[in-house]
Amino acid sequence: MTMATATLTAATIIASVSGEAPIRDLVRTPPFRTPHHTSSYAAIVGGGPRLVPGEVTRADNGVLFLDELTEFSRDVLEALRQPLEDGRVSIVRAAGAVTLPARFQLVAATNPCPCGHAGDDDRCSCAVGVPERYVGRISGPLRDRIDLWVSMPRVPSATLITGQDPEDTATVGARIAAARARASRDRRRINGRLRGQALRRACRLSEAASRRVADLAEAEFASGRGTERLLRVARTIADLDGSIGIDVAHIEEAGWYRSPILKHAALAS
């Protein structure tokens, strides 16, 4: 059985067990799950009398999109830590115990504060300390498991109306597909599943890039997990750049997405 066939089979089994609709053929489209922020712990993680798979399992080999991330309950957010790290989730209930697959791509969005205008002193109506407490609902360990943090400032209305059109989805998608295919061909797995020695071999760091990784990790007091995730992001950036090895520029870009220090320095300059 090839990897593609095994993935299709697993997706079909999960869809069948979930019982959302009759299954008459292999599921050939990767799942895209978008649970509401009021979803219960059991709905996200799984459980119930029959130990039904939750959203993290239904999103296996697909995308789990969590809009309004900070509005999800704390226990739901913390429950994401195991699947994000291990690609599986363990459920223990009175009915028994089960371990289910949960290797998904997490995409999340959230406002910077309850009113949505933190950082804009003329518009933010939140009291002092409220924005910090709001985003603080996302714990450090969960933050450490999210590779890219991107802030989206308000786009002026004139830019939306008359601004230059960005690259279309097809163009960007083709570039991503080529980089992903290169990674699978050269390393026999996607970058997100590289770790340890396999990750270090795949990075092919230049001497200068190695020093920059060490300096950045020390400056951020990065955990071992955080350092590995920095390397995986840099490896992906290098793939998109068509580069065999990782250079300082790739590390700097990866660090921008993970490092508050780099962002603050750039904004201040």
C-alpha atoms as a PDB file:
ATOM      1  CA  MET A   1       0.000   0.000   0.000  1.00  0.00           C
ATOM      2  CA  THR A   2       1.450   3.374  -1.024  1.00  0.00           C
ATOM      3  CA  MET A   3       1.506   6.364   1.330  1.00  0.00           C
ATOM      4  CA  ALA A   4      -1.163   8.116  -0.762  1.00  0.00           C
ATOM      5  CA  THR A   5      -3.468   5.074  -0.635  1.00  0.00           C
ATOM      6  CA  ALA A   6      -2.900   4.667   3.111  1.00  0.00           C
ATOM      7  CA  THR A   7      -3.794   8.328   3.655  1.00  0.00           C
ATOM      8  CA  LEU A   8      -6.996   7.994   1.632  1.00  0.00           C
ATOM      9  CA  THR A   9      -7.927   4.844   3.503  1.00  0.00           C
ATOM     10  CA  ALA A  10      -7.320   6.479   6.891  1.00  0.00           C
ATOM     11  CA  ALA A  11      -9.379   9.541   5.906  1.00  0.00           C
ATOM     12  CA  THR A  12     -12.229   7.306   4.767  1.00  0.00           C
ATOM     13  CA  ILE A  13     -12.192   5.255   7.976  1.00  0.00           C
ATOM     14  CA  ILE A  14     -12.252   8.405  10.128  1.00  0.00           C
ATOM     15  CA  ALA A  15     -15.128   9.874   8.094  1.00  0.00           C
ATOM     16  CA  SER A  16     -17.055   6.619   8.414  1.00  0.00           C
ATOM     17  CA  VAL A  17     -16.534   6.283  12.183  1.00  0.00           C
ATOM     18  CA  SER A  18     -17.497   9.943  12.688  1.00  0.00           C
ATOM     19  CA  GLY A  19     -20.881   9.148  11.160  1.00  0.00           C
ATOM     20  CA  GLU A  20     -21.486  12.542   9.581  1.00  0.00           C
ATOM     21  CA  ALA A  21     -22.716  11.182   6.245  1.00  0.00           C
ATOM     22  CA  PRO A  22     -22.893   7.902   4.296  1.00  0.00           C
ATOM     23  CA  ILE A  23     -19.520   6.897   2.843  1.00  0.00           C
ATOM     24  CA  ARG A  24     -19.770   5.356  -0.631  1.00  0.00           C
ATOM     25  CA  ASP A  25     -16.198   5.780  -1.889  1.00  0.00           C
ATOM     26  CA  LEU A  26     -12.693   6.693  -0.742  1.00  0.00           C
ATOM     27  CA  VAL A  27     -12.455  10.201   0.663  1.00  0.00           C
ATOM     28  CA  ARG A  28     -10.140  11.929  -1.821  1.00  0.00           C
ATOM     29  CA  THR A  29     -10.270  15.513  -0.566  1.00  0.00           C
ATOM     30  CA  PRO A  30      -8.183  16.475   2.488  1.00  0.00           C
ATOM     31  CA  PRO A  31     -10.460  17.507   5.369  1.00  0.00           C
ATOM     32  CA  PHE A  32     -10.926  21.162   6.271  1.00  0.00           C
ATOM     33  CA  ARG A  33     -12.541  21.507   9.678  1.00  0.00           C
ATOM     34  CA  THR A  34     -13.790  24.815  11.103  1.00  0.00           C
ATOM     35  CA  PRO A  35     -15.344  24.240  14.551  1.00  0.00           C
ATOM     36  CA  HIS A  36     -17.025  27.168  16.320  1.00  0.00           C
ATOM     37  CA  HIS A  37     -15.254  28.672  19.318  1.00  0.00           C
ATOM     38  CA  THR A  38     -18.089  27.541  21.582  1.00  0.00           C
ATOM     39  CA  SER A  39     -17.378  23.868  20.751  1.00  0.00           C
ATOM     40  CA  SER A  40     -16.993  21.655  23.794  1.00  0.00           C
ATOM     41  CA  TYR A  41     -13.876  19.771  24.842  1.00  0.00           C
ATOM     42  CA  ALA A  42     -15.435  16.480  23.674  1.00  0.00           C
ATOM     43  CA  ALA A  43     -16.340  17.997  20.294  1.00  0.00           C
ATOM     44  CA  ILE A  44     -12.752  19.108  19.685  1.00  0.00           C
ATOM     45  CA  VAL A  45     -10.794  16.271  21.282  1.00  0.00           C
ATOM     46  CA  GLY A  46     -13.294  13.421  21.042  1.00  0.00           C
ATOM     47  CA  GLY A  47     -15.194  11.346  23.543  1.00  0.00           C
ATOM     48  CA  GLY A  48     -18.779  10.622  24.445  1.00  0.00           C
ATOM     49  CA  PRO A  49     -20.364   7.245  25.252  1.00  0.00           C
ATOM     50  CA  ARG A  50     -18.988   5.680  22.056  1.00  0.00           C
ATOM     51  CA  LEU A  51     -15.625   7.517  22.076  1.00  0.00           C
ATOM     52  CA  VAL A  52     -16.466   9.343  18.849  1.00  0.00           C
ATOM     53  CA  PRO A  53     -13.538  11.140  17.119  1.00  0.00           C
ATOM     54  CA  GLY A  54     -13.330  14.873  17.700  1.00  0.00           C
ATOM     55  CA  GLU A  55     -12.353  17.673  15.335  1.00  0.00           C
ATOM     56  CA  VAL A  56      -8.617  17.091  15.819  1.00  0.00           C
ATOM     57  CA  THR A  57      -9.036  13.568  14.432  1.00  0.00           C
ATOM     58  CA  ARG A  58     -11.525  14.535  11.741  1.00  0.00           C
ATOM     59  CA  ALA A  59      -8.894  17.017  10.510  1.00  0.00           C
ATOM     60  CA  ASP A  60      -6.202  14.297  10.272  1.00  0.00           C
ATOM     61  CA  ASN A  61      -4.068  14.830   7.130  1.00  0.00           C
ATOM     62  CA  GLY A  62      -5.935  18.074   6.523  1.00  0.00           C
ATOM     63  CA  VAL A  63      -6.480  21.514   8.027  1.00  0.00           C
ATOM     64  CA  LEU A  64      -8.011  22.501  11.363  1.00  0.00           C
ATOM     65  CA  PHE A  65      -8.993  26.172  11.253  1.00  0.00           C
ATOM     66  CA  LEU A  66      -9.776  27.799  14.590  1.00  0.00           C
ATOM     67  CA  ASP A  67     -11.210  31.273  14.200  1.00  0.00           C
ATOM     68  CA  GLU A  68     -11.248  33.488  17.313  1.00  0.00           C
ATOM     69  CA  LEU A  69      -8.613  31.271  18.934  1.00  0.00           C
ATOM     70  CA  THR A  70      -8.583  33.133  22.247  1.00  0.00           C
ATOM     71  CA  GLU A  71     -12.338  32.586  22.628  1.00  0.00           C
ATOM     72  CA  PHE A  72     -11.946  28.796  22.861  1.00  0.00           C
ATOM     73  CA  SER A  73     -12.010  27.446  26.404  1.00  0.00           C
ATOM     74  CA  ARG A  74      -8.672  27.003  28.157  1.00  0.00           C
ATOM     75  CA  ASP A  75      -9.020  23.213  28.416  1.00  0.00           C
ATOM     76  CA  VAL A  76      -9.647  22.960  24.659  1.00  0.00           C
ATOM     77  CA  LEU A  77      -6.586  25.063  23.873  1.00  0.00           C
ATOM     78  CA  GLU A  78      -4.346  23.054  26.178  1.00  0.00           C
ATOM     79  CA  ALA A  79      -5.674  19.805  24.694  1.00  0.00           C
ATOM     80  CA  LEU A  80      -4.180  20.842  21.334  1.00  0.00           C
ATOM     81  CA  ARG A  81      -0.662  20.424  22.693  1.00  0.00           C
ATOM     82  CA  GLN A  82      -0.475  16.626  22.352  1.00  0.00           C
ATOM     83  CA  PRO A  83      -1.745  16.345  18.748  1.00  0.00           C
ATOM     84  CA  LEU A  84       0.398  19.280  17.610  1.00  0.00           C
ATOM     85  CA  GLU A  85       3.470  17.572  19.038  1.00  0.00           C
ATOM     86  CA  ASP A  86       2.756  13.866  18.450  1.00  0.00           C
ATOM     87  CA  GLY A  87       0.151  13.762  15.674  1.00  0.00           C
ATOM     88  CA  ARG A  88      -2.245  11.755  17.833  1.00  0.00           C
ATOM     89  CA  VAL A  89      -4.640  12.220  20.738  1.00  0.00           C
ATOM     90  CA  SER A  90      -5.294   9.891  23.653  1.00  0.00           C
ATOM     91  CA  ILE A  91      -8.795   9.779  25.128  1.00  0.00           C
ATOM     92  CA  VAL A  92      -9.560   8.094  28.439  1.00  0.00           C
ATOM     93  CA  ARG A  93     -13.188   7.808  29.507  1.00  0.00           C
ATOM     94  CA  ALA A  94     -15.320   5.464  31.599  1.00  0.00           C
ATOM     95  CA  ALA A  95     -16.141   3.571  28.388  1.00  0.00           C
ATOM     96  CA  GLY A  96     -12.465   2.847  27.777  1.00  0.00           C
ATOM     97  CA  ALA A  97      -9.300   4.363  26.366  1.00  0.00           C
ATOM     98  CA  VAL A  98      -8.336   4.955  22.757  1.00  0.00           C
ATOM     99  CA  THR A  99      -5.546   6.692  20.820  1.00  0.00           C
ATOM    100  CA  LEU A 100      -6.627   8.328  17.575  1.00  0.00           C
ATOM    101  CA  PRO A 101      -4.656   9.940  14.724  1.00  0.00           C
ATOM    102  CA  ALA A 102      -4.615  13.739  14.766  1.00  0.00           C
ATOM    103  CA  ARG A 103      -1.885  14.994  12.447  1.00  0.00           C
ATOM    104  CA  PHE A 104      -3.337  18.192  11.054  1.00  0.00           C
ATOM    105  CA  GLN A 105      -2.191  21.611   9.868  1.00  0.00           C
ATOM    106  CA  LEU A 106      -3.385  24.129  12.440  1.00  0.00           C
ATOM    107  CA  VAL A 107      -4.410  27.540  11.120  1.00  0.00           C
ATOM    108  CA  ALA A 108      -5.815  29.981  13.653  1.00  0.00           C
ATOM    109  CA  ALA A 109      -6.886  33.607  13.812  1.00  0.00           C
ATOM    110  CA  THR A 110      -7.640  35.919  16.698  1.00  0.00           C
ATOM    111  CA  ASN A 111      -8.174  39.570  17.496  1.00  0.00           C
ATOM    112  CA  PRO A 112      -5.431  41.268  19.538  1.00  0.00           C
ATOM    113  CA  CYS A 113      -7.934  42.299  22.239  1.00  0.00           C
ATOM    114  CA  PRO A 114     -11.684  42.138  22.965  1.00  0.00           C
ATOM    115  CA  CYS A 115     -12.444  45.286  20.946  1.00  0.00           C
ATOM    116  CA  GLY A 116     -10.096  44.238  18.146  1.00  0.00           C
ATOM    117  CA  HIS A 117      -8.028  47.425  17.974  1.00  0.00           C
ATOM    118  CA  ALA A 118      -5.073  46.822  20.307  1.00  0.00           C
ATOM    119  CA  GLY A 119      -2.032  48.785  19.169  1.00  0.00           C
ATOM    120  CA  ASP A 120      -4.161  51.607  17.778  1.00  0.00           C
ATOM    121  CA  ASP A 121      -4.424  54.037  20.692  1.00  0.00           C
ATOM    122  CA  ASP A 122      -7.002  56.163  18.874  1.00  0.00           C
ATOM    123  CA  ARG A 123      -9.396  53.241  18.428  1.00  0.00           C
ATOM    124  CA  CYS A 124      -8.726  50.702  21.206  1.00  0.00           C
ATOM    125  CA  SER A 125     -11.334  51.009  23.972  1.00  0.00           C
ATOM    126  CA  CYS A 126      -9.862  48.308  26.250  1.00  0.00           C
ATOM    127  CA  ALA A 127      -8.634  49.158  29.736  1.00  0.00           C
ATOM    128  CA  VAL A 128      -4.927  48.975  30.568  1.00  0.00           C
ATOM    129  CA  GLY A 129      -3.740  45.371  30.750  1.00  0.00           C
ATOM    130  CA  VAL A 130      -6.811  43.884  29.044  1.00  0.00           C
ATOM    131  CA  PRO A 131      -5.134  43.180  25.665  1.00  0.00           C
ATOM    132  CA  GLU A 132      -2.237  41.402  27.399  1.00  0.00           C
ATOM    133  CA  ARG A 133      -4.607  39.232  29.429  1.00  0.00           C
ATOM    134  CA  TYR A 134      -6.670  38.496  26.328  1.00  0.00           C
ATOM    135  CA  VAL A 135      -3.802  37.124  24.231  1.00  0.00           C
ATOM    136  CA  GLY A 136      -2.385  35.554  27.400  1.00  0.00           C
ATOM    137  CA  ARG A 137      -5.151  32.963  27.135  1.00  0.00           C
ATOM    138  CA  ILE A 138      -2.820  31.240  24.672  1.00  0.00           C
ATOM    139  CA  SER A 139      -0.271  29.603  26.960  1.00  0.00           C
ATOM    140  CA  GLY A 140       3.474  29.568  26.362  1.00  0.00           C
ATOM    141  CA  PRO A 141       3.635  25.812  25.635  1.00  0.00           C
ATOM    142  CA  LEU A 142       0.881  26.132  23.014  1.00  0.00           C
ATOM    143  CA  ARG A 143       2.555  29.173  21.457  1.00  0.00           C
ATOM    144  CA  ASP A 144       5.774  27.174  21.251  1.00  0.00           C
ATOM    145  CA  ARG A 145       4.002  24.601  19.082  1.00  0.00           C
ATOM    146  CA  ILE A 146       2.792  27.147  16.507  1.00  0.00           C
ATOM    147  CA  ASP A 147       5.434  27.823  13.866  1.00  0.00           C
ATOM    148  CA  LEU A 148       4.315  31.136  12.362  1.00  0.00           C
ATOM    149  CA  TRP A 149       2.884  34.196  14.086  1.00  0.00           C
ATOM    150  CA  VAL A 150       1.769  36.858  11.615  1.00  0.00           C
ATOM    151  CA  SER A 151       0.241  40.213  12.593  1.00  0.00           C
ATOM    152  CA  MET A 152      -2.222  41.702  10.141  1.00  0.00           C
ATOM    153  CA  PRO A 153      -2.448  45.492  10.547  1.00  0.00           C
ATOM    154  CA  ARG A 154      -5.513  47.301   9.294  1.00  0.00           C
ATOM    155  CA  VAL A 155      -5.361  47.893   5.544  1.00  0.00           C
ATOM    156  CA  PRO A 156      -6.448  51.423   4.508  1.00  0.00           C
ATOM    157  CA  SER A 157      -9.680  51.468   2.520  1.00  0.00           C
ATOM    158  CA  ALA A 158      -7.989  53.236  -0.393  1.00  0.00           C
ATOM    159  CA  THR A 159      -5.471  50.412  -0.682  1.00  0.00           C
ATOM    160  CA  LEU A 160      -8.238  47.826  -0.793  1.00  0.00           C
ATOM    161  CA  ILE A 161      -9.947  49.700  -3.602  1.00  0.00           C
ATOM    162  CA  THR A 162      -7.051  50.926  -5.725  1.00  0.00           C
ATOM    163  CA  GLY A 163      -4.046  48.960  -4.486  1.00  0.00           C
ATOM    164  CA  GLN A 164      -2.026  46.550  -6.588  1.00  0.00           C
ATOM    165  CA  ASP A 165      -3.465  43.042  -6.757  1.00  0.00           C
ATOM    166  CA  PRO A 166      -1.375  40.442  -4.899  1.00  0.00           C
ATOM    167  CA  GLU A 167      -0.274  37.161  -6.421  1.00  0.00           C
ATOM    168  CA  ASP A 168      -3.203  34.915  -7.186  1.00  0.00           C
ATOM    169  CA  THR A 169      -3.774  31.662  -5.324  1.00  0.00           C
ATOM    170  CA  ALA A 170      -2.841  29.467  -8.297  1.00  0.00           C
ATOM    171  CA  THR A 171       0.591  31.103  -8.623  1.00  0.00           C
ATOM    172  CA  VAL A 172       1.385  30.799  -4.923  1.00  0.00           C
ATOM    173  CA  GLY A 173      -0.038  27.274  -4.803  1.00  0.00           C
ATOM    174  CA  ALA A 174       2.195  26.105  -7.641  1.00  0.00           C
ATOM    175  CA  ARG A 175       5.282  27.440  -5.851  1.00  0.00           C
ATOM    176  CA  ILE A 176       4.283  25.718  -2.615  1.00  0.00           C
ATOM    177  CA  ALA A 177       3.552  22.440  -4.412  1.00  0.00           C
ATOM    178  CA  ALA A 178       6.980  22.523  -6.069  1.00  0.00           C
ATOM    179  CA  ALA A 179       8.744  23.147  -2.744  1.00  0.00           C
ATOM    180  CA  ARG A 180       6.752  20.402  -1.043  1.00  0.00           C
ATOM    181  CA  ALA A 181       7.536  17.956  -3.839  1.00  0.00           C
ATOM    182  CA  ARG A 182      11.231  18.826  -3.589  1.00  0.00           C
ATOM    183  CA  ALA A 183      11.202  18.201   0.156  1.00  0.00           C
ATOM    184  CA  SER A 184       9.415  14.855  -0.249  1.00  0.00           C
ATOM    185  CA  ARG A 185      11.809  13.786  -3.013  1.00  0.00           C
ATOM    186  CA  ASP A 186      15.013  14.794  -1.238  1.00  0.00           C
ATOM    187  CA  ARG A 187      14.043  13.757   2.309  1.00  0.00           C
ATOM    188  CA  ARG A 188      11.196  11.263   1.735  1.00  0.00           C
ATOM    189  CA  ARG A 189       8.987  13.227   4.111  1.00  0.00           C
ATOM    190  CA  ILE A 190       7.642  16.730   4.492  1.00  0.00           C
ATOM    191  CA  ASN A 191       9.564  19.205   6.619  1.00  0.00           C
ATOM    192  CA  GLY A 192       6.940  19.267   9.363  1.00  0.00           C
ATOM    193  CA  ARG A 193       7.767  15.658  10.221  1.00  0.00           C
ATOM    194  CA  LEU A 194      11.521  16.081  10.430  1.00  0.00           C
ATOM    195  CA  ARG A 195      13.169  16.106  13.831  1.00  0.00           C
ATOM    196  CA  GLY A 196      16.443  15.304  15.567  1.00  0.00           C
ATOM    197  CA  GLN A 197      19.352  14.180  13.410  1.00  0.00           C
ATOM    198  CA  ALA A 198      17.180  13.884  10.299  1.00  0.00           C
ATOM    199  CA  LEU A 199      16.250  17.566  10.627  1.00  0.00           C
ATOM    200  CA  ARG A 200      19.839  18.681  11.163  1.00  0.00           C
ATOM    201  CA  ARG A 201      21.017  16.707   8.128  1.00  0.00           C
ATOM    202  CA  ALA A 202      18.238  18.166   5.987  1.00  0.00           C
ATOM    203  CA  CYS A 203      19.065  21.743   6.995  1.00  0.00           C
ATOM    204  CA  ARG A 204      22.605  21.779   5.578  1.00  0.00           C
ATOM    205  CA  LEU A 205      23.336  24.898   7.602  1.00  0.00           C
ATOM    206  CA  SER A 206      26.138  27.187   6.569  1.00  0.00           C
ATOM    207  CA  GLU A 207      28.571  28.091   9.358  1.00  0.00           C
ATOM    208  CA  ALA A 208      27.145  31.595   9.572  1.00  0.00           C
ATOM    209  CA  ALA A 209      23.581  30.239   9.682  1.00  0.00           C
ATOM    210  CA  SER A 210      24.506  27.862  12.514  1.00  0.00           C
ATOM    211  CA  ARG A 211      25.834  30.757  14.570  1.00  0.00           C
ATOM    212  CA  ARG A 212      22.720  32.816  13.868  1.00  0.00           C
ATOM    213  CA  VAL A 213      20.417  29.983  14.986  1.00  0.00           C
ATOM    214  CA  ALA A 214      22.340  29.647  18.242  1.00  0.00           C
ATOM    215  CA  ASP A 215      22.325  33.400  18.879  1.00  0.00           C
ATOM    216  CA  LEU A 216      18.616  33.736  18.166  1.00  0.00           C
ATOM    217  CA  ALA A 217      17.681  30.725  20.294  1.00  0.00           C
ATOM    218  CA  GLU A 218      19.706  32.089  23.220  1.00  0.00           C
ATOM    219  CA  ALA A 219      18.231  35.586  22.881  1.00  0.00           C
ATOM    220  CA  GLU A 220      14.701  34.170  22.966  1.00  0.00           C
ATOM    221  CA  PHE A 221      15.442  31.554  25.643  1.00  0.00           C
ATOM    222  CA  ALA A 222      14.010  29.105  23.111  1.00  0.00           C
ATOM    223  CA  SER A 223      13.215  25.561  24.169  1.00  0.00           C
ATOM    224  CA  GLY A 224      14.586  22.591  22.263  1.00  0.00           C
ATOM    225  CA  ARG A 225      11.185  22.294  20.611  1.00  0.00           C
ATOM    226  CA  GLY A 226      11.227  25.964  19.661  1.00  0.00           C
ATOM    227  CA  THR A 227      14.713  25.692  18.146  1.00  0.00           C
ATOM    228  CA  GLU A 228      13.695  22.682  16.054  1.00  0.00           C
ATOM    229  CA  ARG A 229      10.601  24.500  14.832  1.00  0.00           C
ATOM    230  CA  LEU A 230      12.748  27.487  13.874  1.00  0.00           C
ATOM    231  CA  LEU A 231      14.918  25.145  11.792  1.00  0.00           C
ATOM    232  CA  ARG A 232      11.904  23.516  10.122  1.00  0.00           C
ATOM    233  CA  VAL A 233      10.488  26.899   9.132  1.00  0.00           C
ATOM    234  CA  ALA A 234      13.904  27.962   7.791  1.00  0.00           C
ATOM    235  CA  ARG A 235      14.158  24.695   5.817  1.00  0.00           C
ATOM    236  CA  THR A 236      10.775  25.397   4.220  1.00  0.00           C
ATOM    237  CA  ILE A 237      11.763  28.977   3.372  1.00  0.00           C
ATOM    238  CA  ALA A 238      14.942  27.652   1.755  1.00  0.00           C
ATOM    239  CA  ASP A 239      12.865  25.164  -0.264  1.00  0.00           C
ATOM    240  CA  LEU A 240      10.613  27.968  -1.494  1.00  0.00           C
ATOM    241  CA  ASP A 241      13.781  29.851  -2.422  1.00  0.00           C
ATOM    242  CA  GLY A 242      15.090  26.819  -4.335  1.00  0.00           C
ATOM    243  CA  SER A 243      18.129  26.602  -2.065  1.00  0.00           C
ATOM    244  CA  ILE A 244      19.846  23.308  -1.215  1.00  0.00           C
ATOM    245  CA  GLY A 245      21.078  24.553   2.155  1.00  0.00           C
ATOM    246  CA  ILE A 246      19.933  27.088   4.735  1.00  0.00           C
ATOM    247  CA  ASP A 247      21.655  30.458   4.832  1.00  0.00           C
ATOM    248  CA  VAL A 248      21.467  33.370   7.263  1.00  0.00           C
ATOM    249  CA  ALA A 249      18.689  35.079   5.276  1.00  0.00           C
ATOM    250  CA  HIS A 250      16.467  32.015   5.686  1.00  0.00           C
ATOM    251  CA  ILE A 251      17.130  31.940   9.429  1.00  0.00           C
ATOM    252  CA  GLU A 252      16.357  35.645   9.744  1.00  0.00           C
ATOM    253  CA  GLU A 253      13.032  35.244   7.953  1.00  0.00           C
ATOM    254  CA  ALA A 254      12.085  32.207  10.032  1.00  0.00           C
ATOM    255  CA  GLY A 255      13.056  34.090  13.186  1.00  0.00           C
ATOM    256  CA  TRP A 256      10.832  37.003  12.195  1.00  0.00           C
ATOM    257  CA  TYR A 257       7.810  34.713  12.344  1.00  0.00           C
ATOM    258  CA  ARG A 258       8.740  33.249  15.736  1.00  0.00           C
ATOM    259  CA  SER A 259      10.739  35.969  17.486  1.00  0.00           C
ATOM    260  CA  PRO A 260       9.221  39.025  19.224  1.00  0.00           C
ATOM    261  CA  ILE A 261      12.747  40.439  19.582  1.00  0.00           C
ATOM    262  CA  LEU A 262      13.357  40.521  15.827  1.00  0.00           C
ATOM    263  CA  LYS A 263       9.939  42.064  15.178  1.00  0.00           C
ATOM    264  CA  HIS A 264      10.407  44.800  17.779  1.00  0.00           C
ATOM    265  CA  ALA A 265      13.889  45.606  16.452  1.00  0.00           C
ATOM    266  CA  ALA A 266      12.612  45.876  12.882  1.00  0.00           C
ATOM    267  CA  LEU A 267       9.631  48.029  13.860  1.00  0.00           C
ATOM    268  CA  ALA A 268      11.875  50.368  15.865  1.00  0.00           C
ATOM    269  CA  SER A 269      14.339  50.879  13.010  1.00  0.00           C
END
